PDB file of all heavy atoms in Angstrom:
ATOM      1  N   TRP A   1      14.770  63.888 -75.215  1.00  0.00           N
ATOM      2  CA  TRP A   1      13.572  64.176 -75.977  1.00  0.00           C
ATOM      3  C   TRP A   1      13.663  63.643 -77.385  1.00  0.00           C
ATOM      4  O   TRP A   1      14.725  63.857 -78.038  1.00  0.00           O
ATOM      5  CB  TRP A   1      13.226  65.691 -75.986  1.00  0.00           C
ATOM      6  CG  TRP A   1      12.702  66.382 -74.795  1.00  0.00           C
ATOM      7  CD1 TRP A   1      12.575  65.812 -73.582  1.00  0.00           C
ATOM      8  CD2 TRP A   1      12.163  67.668 -74.709  1.00  0.00           C
ATOM      9  NE1 TRP A   1      12.100  66.732 -72.689  1.00  0.00           N
ATOM     10  CE2 TRP A   1      11.857  67.858 -73.414  1.00  0.00           C
ATOM     11  CE3 TRP A   1      12.078  68.717 -75.616  1.00  0.00           C
ATOM     12  CZ2 TRP A   1      11.270  69.091 -72.969  1.00  0.00           C
ATOM     13  CZ3 TRP A   1      11.520  69.955 -75.240  1.00  0.00           C
ATOM     14  CH2 TRP A   1      11.121  70.118 -73.856  1.00  0.00           C
ATOM     15  N   LEU A   2      12.602  63.024 -77.836  1.00  0.00           N
ATOM     16  CA  LEU A   2      12.507  62.537 -79.212  1.00  0.00           C
ATOM     17  C   LEU A   2      11.155  62.842 -79.775  1.00  0.00           C
ATOM     18  O   LEU A   2      10.129  62.892 -79.035  1.00  0.00           O
ATOM     19  CB  LEU A   2      12.681  60.986 -79.279  1.00  0.00           C
ATOM     20  CG  LEU A   2      14.092  60.518 -78.776  1.00  0.00           C
ATOM     21  CD1 LEU A   2      14.079  58.988 -78.663  1.00  0.00           C
ATOM     22  CD2 LEU A   2      15.255  60.933 -79.714  1.00  0.00           C
ATOM     23  N   ASP A   3      11.088  63.081 -81.088  1.00  0.00           N
ATOM     24  CA  ASP A   3       9.797  63.147 -81.783  1.00  0.00           C
ATOM     25  C   ASP A   3       9.553  61.797 -82.521  1.00  0.00           C
ATOM     26  O   ASP A   3      10.342  61.374 -83.318  1.00  0.00           O
ATOM     27  CB  ASP A   3       9.817  64.251 -82.858  1.00  0.00           C
ATOM     28  CG  ASP A   3       9.493  65.552 -82.202  1.00  0.00           C
ATOM     29  OD1 ASP A   3       9.094  65.656 -81.026  1.00  0.00           O
ATOM     30  OD2 ASP A   3       9.560  66.588 -82.970  1.00  0.00           O
ATOM     31  N   LEU A   4       8.463  61.152 -82.208  1.00  0.00           N
ATOM     32  CA  LEU A   4       8.063  59.904 -82.718  1.00  0.00           C
ATOM     33  C   LEU A   4       6.922  60.210 -83.779  1.00  0.00           C
ATOM     34  O   LEU A   4       5.849  60.743 -83.447  1.00  0.00           O
ATOM     35  CB  LEU A   4       7.509  58.959 -81.687  1.00  0.00           C
ATOM     36  CG  LEU A   4       6.836  57.618 -82.171  1.00  0.00           C
ATOM     37  CD1 LEU A   4       7.838  56.749 -82.848  1.00  0.00           C
ATOM     38  CD2 LEU A   4       6.203  56.891 -80.957  1.00  0.00           C
ATOM     39  N   THR A   5       7.203  59.867 -85.005  1.00  0.00           N
ATOM     40  CA  THR A   5       6.201  60.166 -86.140  1.00  0.00           C
ATOM     41  C   THR A   5       5.697  58.869 -86.692  1.00  0.00           C
ATOM     42  O   THR A   5       6.474  58.022 -87.152  1.00  0.00           O
ATOM     43  CB  THR A   5       6.823  61.015 -87.268  1.00  0.00           C
ATOM     44  OG1 THR A   5       7.287  62.287 -86.720  1.00  0.00           O
ATOM     45  CG2 THR A   5       5.804  61.309 -88.320  1.00  0.00           C
ATOM     46  N   VAL A   6       4.392  58.592 -86.571  1.00  0.00           N
ATOM     47  CA  VAL A   6       3.755  57.445 -87.073  1.00  0.00           C
ATOM     48  C   VAL A   6       2.958  57.785 -88.356  1.00  0.00           C
ATOM     49  O   VAL A   6       2.143  58.720 -88.357  1.00  0.00           O
ATOM     50  CB  VAL A   6       2.836  56.833 -85.964  1.00  0.00           C
ATOM     51  CG1 VAL A   6       2.162  55.574 -86.574  1.00  0.00           C
ATOM     52  CG2 VAL A   6       3.635  56.491 -84.756  1.00  0.00           C
ATOM     53  N   HIS A   7       3.130  56.967 -89.368  1.00  0.00           N
ATOM     54  CA  HIS A   7       2.511  57.332 -90.695  1.00  0.00           C
ATOM     55  C   HIS A   7       1.210  56.524 -90.895  1.00  0.00           C
ATOM     56  O   HIS A   7       1.081  55.425 -90.424  1.00  0.00           O
ATOM     57  CB  HIS A   7       3.515  56.934 -91.803  1.00  0.00           C
ATOM     58  CG  HIS A   7       4.868  57.690 -91.652  1.00  0.00           C
ATOM     59  ND1 HIS A   7       5.003  58.970 -92.076  1.00  0.00           N
ATOM     60  CD2 HIS A   7       6.033  57.183 -91.183  1.00  0.00           C
ATOM     61  CE1 HIS A   7       6.274  59.266 -91.809  1.00  0.00           C
ATOM     62  NE2 HIS A   7       6.926  58.245 -91.291  1.00  0.00           N
ATOM     63  N   GLY A   8       0.271  57.275 -91.581  1.00  0.00           N
ATOM     64  CA  GLY A   8      -1.019  56.599 -91.917  1.00  0.00           C
ATOM     65  C   GLY A   8      -1.287  56.812 -93.342  1.00  0.00           C
ATOM     66  O   GLY A   8      -0.313  57.102 -94.159  1.00  0.00           O
ATOM     67  N   ARG A   9      -2.604  56.754 -93.736  1.00  0.00           N
ATOM     68  CA  ARG A   9      -2.987  56.937 -95.049  1.00  0.00           C
ATOM     69  C   ARG A   9      -4.135  58.024 -95.064  1.00  0.00           C
ATOM     70  O   ARG A   9      -5.270  57.696 -94.538  1.00  0.00           O
ATOM     71  CB  ARG A   9      -3.443  55.675 -95.772  1.00  0.00           C
ATOM     72  CG  ARG A   9      -3.910  55.843 -97.222  1.00  0.00           C
ATOM     73  CD  ARG A   9      -4.471  54.564 -97.807  1.00  0.00           C
ATOM     74  NE  ARG A   9      -3.433  53.564 -97.899  1.00  0.00           N
ATOM     75  CZ  ARG A   9      -3.675  52.230 -97.827  1.00  0.00           C
ATOM     76  NH1 ARG A   9      -4.960  51.837 -97.654  1.00  0.00           N
ATOM     77  NH2 ARG A   9      -2.700  51.418 -98.029  1.00  0.00           N
ATOM     78  N   ALA A  10      -3.798  59.188 -95.531  1.00  0.00           N
ATOM     79  CA  ALA A  10      -4.915  60.233 -95.532  1.00  0.00           C
ATOM     80  C   ALA A  10      -6.091  59.861 -96.314  1.00  0.00           C
ATOM     81  O   ALA A  10      -5.943  59.370 -97.485  1.00  0.00           O
ATOM     82  CB  ALA A  10      -4.316  61.568 -95.986  1.00  0.00           C
ATOM     83  N   ALA A  11      -7.291  60.173 -95.832  1.00  0.00           N
ATOM     84  CA  ALA A  11      -8.451  59.736 -96.604  1.00  0.00           C
ATOM     85  C   ALA A  11      -9.672  60.415 -95.932  1.00  0.00           C
ATOM     86  O   ALA A  11      -9.556  61.020 -94.862  1.00  0.00           O
ATOM     87  CB  ALA A  11      -8.703  58.221 -96.559  1.00  0.00           C
ATOM     88  N   HIS A  12     -10.838  60.387 -96.612  1.00  0.00           N
ATOM     89  CA  HIS A  12     -12.081  60.788 -96.015  1.00  0.00           C
ATOM     90  C   HIS A  12     -12.465  59.847 -94.876  1.00  0.00           C
ATOM     91  O   HIS A  12     -12.186  58.611 -95.015  1.00  0.00           O
ATOM     92  CB  HIS A  12     -13.139  60.796 -97.097  1.00  0.00           C
ATOM     93  CG  HIS A  12     -14.432  61.541 -96.753  1.00  0.00           C
ATOM     94  ND1 HIS A  12     -15.300  61.004 -95.884  1.00  0.00           N
ATOM     95  CD2 HIS A  12     -14.988  62.674 -97.173  1.00  0.00           C
ATOM     96  CE1 HIS A  12     -16.323  61.909 -95.708  1.00  0.00           C
ATOM     97  NE2 HIS A  12     -16.105  62.874 -96.555  1.00  0.00           N
ATOM     98  N   ALA A  13     -13.055  60.314 -93.919  1.00  0.00           N
ATOM     99  CA  ALA A  13     -13.531  59.468 -92.784  1.00  0.00           C
ATOM    100  C   ALA A  13     -14.462  58.446 -93.119  1.00  0.00           C
ATOM    101  O   ALA A  13     -14.563  57.445 -92.454  1.00  0.00           O
ATOM    102  CB  ALA A  13     -14.029  60.393 -91.629  1.00  0.00           C
ATOM    103  N   GLU A  14     -15.135  58.624 -94.274  1.00  0.00           N
ATOM    104  CA  GLU A  14     -16.082  57.674 -94.789  1.00  0.00           C
ATOM    105  C   GLU A  14     -15.409  56.335 -95.118  1.00  0.00           C
ATOM    106  O   GLU A  14     -16.014  55.236 -94.997  1.00  0.00           O
ATOM    107  CB  GLU A  14     -16.743  58.210 -96.098  1.00  0.00           C
ATOM    108  CG  GLU A  14     -17.622  57.189 -96.838  1.00  0.00           C
ATOM    109  CD  GLU A  14     -16.831  56.332 -97.797  1.00  0.00           C
ATOM    110  OE1 GLU A  14     -15.700  56.718 -98.233  1.00  0.00           O
ATOM    111  OE2 GLU A  14     -17.269  55.143 -98.044  1.00  0.00           O
ATOM    112  N   SER A  15     -14.138  56.393 -95.423  1.00  0.00           N
ATOM    113  CA  SER A  15     -13.357  55.192 -95.688  1.00  0.00           C
ATOM    114  C   SER A  15     -12.405  54.729 -94.562  1.00  0.00           C
ATOM    115  O   SER A  15     -11.452  54.019 -94.854  1.00  0.00           O
ATOM    116  CB  SER A  15     -12.526  55.417 -97.007  1.00  0.00           C
ATOM    117  OG  SER A  15     -11.573  56.399 -96.773  1.00  0.00           O
ATOM    118  N   ALA A  16     -12.772  55.136 -93.369  1.00  0.00           N
ATOM    119  CA  ALA A  16     -11.862  54.818 -92.247  1.00  0.00           C
ATOM    120  C   ALA A  16     -11.645  53.366 -92.082  1.00  0.00           C
ATOM    121  O   ALA A  16     -10.517  52.871 -91.684  1.00  0.00           O
ATOM    122  CB  ALA A  16     -12.440  55.392 -90.934  1.00  0.00           C
ATOM    123  N   ASP A  17     -12.685  52.577 -92.314  1.00  0.00           N
ATOM    124  CA  ASP A  17     -12.506  51.130 -92.171  1.00  0.00           C
ATOM    125  C   ASP A  17     -11.646  50.477 -93.203  1.00  0.00           C
ATOM    126  O   ASP A  17     -11.171  49.360 -93.079  1.00  0.00           O
ATOM    127  CB  ASP A  17     -13.856  50.435 -92.228  1.00  0.00           C
ATOM    128  CG  ASP A  17     -14.620  50.683 -93.538  1.00  0.00           C
ATOM    129  OD1 ASP A  17     -14.560  51.861 -93.952  1.00  0.00           O
ATOM    130  OD2 ASP A  17     -15.190  49.709 -94.070  1.00  0.00           O
ATOM    131  N   ARG A  18     -11.296  51.197 -94.296  1.00  0.00           N
ATOM    132  CA  ARG A  18     -10.461  50.680 -95.400  1.00  0.00           C
ATOM    133  C   ARG A  18      -9.100  51.384 -95.501  1.00  0.00           C
ATOM    134  O   ARG A  18      -8.414  51.293 -96.457  1.00  0.00           O
ATOM    135  CB  ARG A  18     -11.284  50.802 -96.717  1.00  0.00           C
ATOM    136  CG  ARG A  18     -12.611  50.136 -96.706  1.00  0.00           C
ATOM    137  CD  ARG A  18     -13.321  50.229 -98.002  1.00  0.00           C
ATOM    138  NE  ARG A  18     -13.626  51.568 -98.451  1.00  0.00           N
ATOM    139  CZ  ARG A  18     -14.614  52.324 -98.008  1.00  0.00           C
ATOM    140  NH1 ARG A  18     -15.460  51.809 -97.106  1.00  0.00           N
ATOM    141  NH2 ARG A  18     -14.890  53.536 -98.430  1.00  0.00           N
ATOM    142  N   SER A  19      -8.842  52.231 -94.497  1.00  0.00           N
ATOM    143  CA  SER A  19      -7.647  52.968 -94.526  1.00  0.00           C
ATOM    144  C   SER A  19      -6.815  52.797 -93.206  1.00  0.00           C
ATOM    145  O   SER A  19      -7.138  51.836 -92.440  1.00  0.00           O
ATOM    146  CB  SER A  19      -7.850  54.540 -94.699  1.00  0.00           C
ATOM    147  OG  SER A  19      -6.798  55.200 -94.998  1.00  0.00           O
ATOM    148  N   VAL A  20      -5.804  53.549 -92.914  1.00  0.00           N
ATOM    149  CA  VAL A  20      -4.992  53.452 -91.724  1.00  0.00           C
ATOM    150  C   VAL A  20      -4.897  54.743 -90.991  1.00  0.00           C
ATOM    151  O   VAL A  20      -4.342  55.798 -91.644  1.00  0.00           O
ATOM    152  CB  VAL A  20      -3.564  53.022 -92.119  1.00  0.00           C
ATOM    153  CG1 VAL A  20      -2.723  52.885 -90.826  1.00  0.00           C
ATOM    154  CG2 VAL A  20      -3.610  51.634 -92.832  1.00  0.00           C
ATOM    155  N   ASN A  21      -5.342  54.763 -89.897  1.00  0.00           N
ATOM    156  CA  ASN A  21      -5.345  56.070 -89.041  1.00  0.00           C
ATOM    157  C   ASN A  21      -4.083  56.057 -88.198  1.00  0.00           C
ATOM    158  O   ASN A  21      -3.903  55.154 -87.395  1.00  0.00           O
ATOM    159  CB  ASN A  21      -6.565  56.126 -88.089  1.00  0.00           C
ATOM    160  CG  ASN A  21      -6.753  57.403 -87.463  1.00  0.00           C
ATOM    161  OD1 ASN A  21      -5.741  58.042 -87.018  1.00  0.00           O
ATOM    162  ND2 ASN A  21      -7.961  57.992 -87.430  1.00  0.00           N
ATOM    163  N   PRO A  22      -3.205  56.970 -88.379  1.00  0.00           N
ATOM    164  CA  PRO A  22      -1.974  56.990 -87.624  1.00  0.00           C
ATOM    165  C   PRO A  22      -2.151  57.138 -86.102  1.00  0.00           C
ATOM    166  O   PRO A  22      -1.277  56.767 -85.315  1.00  0.00           O
ATOM    167  CB  PRO A  22      -1.172  58.112 -88.245  1.00  0.00           C
ATOM    168  CG  PRO A  22      -2.177  59.097 -88.734  1.00  0.00           C
ATOM    169  CD  PRO A  22      -3.286  58.155 -89.270  1.00  0.00           C
ATOM    170  N   VAL A  23      -3.204  57.796 -85.706  1.00  0.00           N
ATOM    171  CA  VAL A  23      -3.508  57.919 -84.303  1.00  0.00           C
ATOM    172  C   VAL A  23      -3.788  56.567 -83.716  1.00  0.00           C
ATOM    173  O   VAL A  23      -3.206  56.229 -82.610  1.00  0.00           O
ATOM    174  CB  VAL A  23      -4.739  58.888 -84.046  1.00  0.00           C
ATOM    175  CG1 VAL A  23      -5.100  58.924 -82.547  1.00  0.00           C
ATOM    176  CG2 VAL A  23      -4.530  60.197 -84.556  1.00  0.00           C
ATOM    177  N   ASP A  24      -4.578  55.743 -84.346  1.00  0.00           N
ATOM    178  CA  ASP A  24      -4.808  54.349 -83.879  1.00  0.00           C
ATOM    179  C   ASP A  24      -3.446  53.589 -83.860  1.00  0.00           C
ATOM    180  O   ASP A  24      -3.244  52.917 -82.884  1.00  0.00           O
ATOM    181  CB  ASP A  24      -5.808  53.607 -84.812  1.00  0.00           C
ATOM    182  CG  ASP A  24      -7.165  54.159 -84.779  1.00  0.00           C
ATOM    183  OD1 ASP A  24      -7.526  54.938 -83.808  1.00  0.00           O
ATOM    184  OD2 ASP A  24      -8.022  53.913 -85.666  1.00  0.00           O
ATOM    185  N   ALA A  25      -2.633  53.759 -84.848  1.00  0.00           N
ATOM    186  CA  ALA A  25      -1.394  53.024 -84.931  1.00  0.00           C
ATOM    187  C   ALA A  25      -0.475  53.472 -83.741  1.00  0.00           C
ATOM    188  O   ALA A  25       0.224  52.626 -83.137  1.00  0.00           O
ATOM    189  CB  ALA A  25      -0.705  53.324 -86.269  1.00  0.00           C
ATOM    190  N   THR A  26      -0.536  54.780 -83.436  1.00  0.00           N
ATOM    191  CA  THR A  26       0.337  55.265 -82.297  1.00  0.00           C
ATOM    192  C   THR A  26      -0.121  54.621 -81.010  1.00  0.00           C
ATOM    193  O   THR A  26       0.676  54.244 -80.192  1.00  0.00           O
ATOM    194  CB  THR A  26       0.163  56.784 -82.240  1.00  0.00           C
ATOM    195  OG1 THR A  26       0.698  57.365 -83.430  1.00  0.00           O
ATOM    196  CG2 THR A  26       0.999  57.319 -81.046  1.00  0.00           C
ATOM    197  N   LEU A  27      -1.446  54.546 -80.790  1.00  0.00           N
ATOM    198  CA  LEU A  27      -1.952  53.923 -79.594  1.00  0.00           C
ATOM    199  C   LEU A  27      -1.542  52.505 -79.436  1.00  0.00           C
ATOM    200  O   LEU A  27      -1.290  51.995 -78.415  1.00  0.00           O
ATOM    201  CB  LEU A  27      -3.468  53.997 -79.546  1.00  0.00           C
ATOM    202  CG  LEU A  27      -4.033  55.557 -79.366  1.00  0.00           C
ATOM    203  CD1 LEU A  27      -5.572  55.436 -79.436  1.00  0.00           C
ATOM    204  CD2 LEU A  27      -3.529  56.140 -78.119  1.00  0.00           C
ATOM    205  N   GLY A  28      -1.393  51.877 -80.617  1.00  0.00           N
ATOM    206  CA  GLY A  28      -0.914  50.441 -80.672  1.00  0.00           C
ATOM    207  C   GLY A  28       0.489  50.269 -80.208  1.00  0.00           C
ATOM    208  O   GLY A  28       0.888  49.170 -79.871  1.00  0.00           O
ATOM    209  N   LEU A  29       1.269  51.370 -80.156  1.00  0.00           N
ATOM    210  CA  LEU A  29       2.644  51.326 -79.661  1.00  0.00           C
ATOM    211  C   LEU A  29       2.807  51.502 -78.213  1.00  0.00           C
ATOM    212  O   LEU A  29       3.885  51.240 -77.680  1.00  0.00           O
ATOM    213  CB  LEU A  29       3.532  52.332 -80.437  1.00  0.00           C
ATOM    214  CG  LEU A  29       3.623  52.169 -81.963  1.00  0.00           C
ATOM    215  CD1 LEU A  29       4.388  53.392 -82.529  1.00  0.00           C
ATOM    216  CD2 LEU A  29       4.414  50.901 -82.272  1.00  0.00           C
ATOM    217  N   LEU A  30       1.709  51.848 -77.547  1.00  0.00           N
ATOM    218  CA  LEU A  30       1.798  52.221 -76.050  1.00  0.00           C
ATOM    219  C   LEU A  30       2.255  51.055 -75.262  1.00  0.00           C
ATOM    220  O   LEU A  30       3.101  51.233 -74.340  1.00  0.00           O
ATOM    221  CB  LEU A  30       0.428  52.700 -75.614  1.00  0.00           C
ATOM    222  CG  LEU A  30       0.172  54.187 -75.952  1.00  0.00           C
ATOM    223  CD1 LEU A  30      -1.249  54.576 -75.375  1.00  0.00           C
ATOM    224  CD2 LEU A  30       1.207  55.113 -75.156  1.00  0.00           C
ATOM    225  N   PRO A  31       1.739  49.763 -75.529  1.00  0.00           N
ATOM    226  CA  PRO A  31       2.292  48.670 -74.666  1.00  0.00           C
ATOM    227  C   PRO A  31       3.829  48.537 -74.702  1.00  0.00           C
ATOM    228  O   PRO A  31       4.476  48.304 -73.703  1.00  0.00           O
ATOM    229  CB  PRO A  31       1.611  47.509 -75.171  1.00  0.00           C
ATOM    230  CG  PRO A  31       0.245  48.038 -75.774  1.00  0.00           C
ATOM    231  CD  PRO A  31       0.653  49.282 -76.356  1.00  0.00           C
ATOM    232  N   ALA A  32       4.323  48.680 -75.931  1.00  0.00           N
ATOM    233  CA  ALA A  32       5.784  48.604 -76.059  1.00  0.00           C
ATOM    234  C   ALA A  32       6.554  49.750 -75.326  1.00  0.00           C
ATOM    235  O   ALA A  32       7.586  49.549 -74.796  1.00  0.00           O
ATOM    236  CB  ALA A  32       6.219  48.614 -77.548  1.00  0.00           C
TER     237      ALA A  32
END
């Protein structure tokens, strides 16, 4: 068992297009 922690940049959802959502980044690791 391991805990994988992916970091993002906390922000208002209004600026989602200009920030980094760690959930999206985590999904990007699924192919690997």
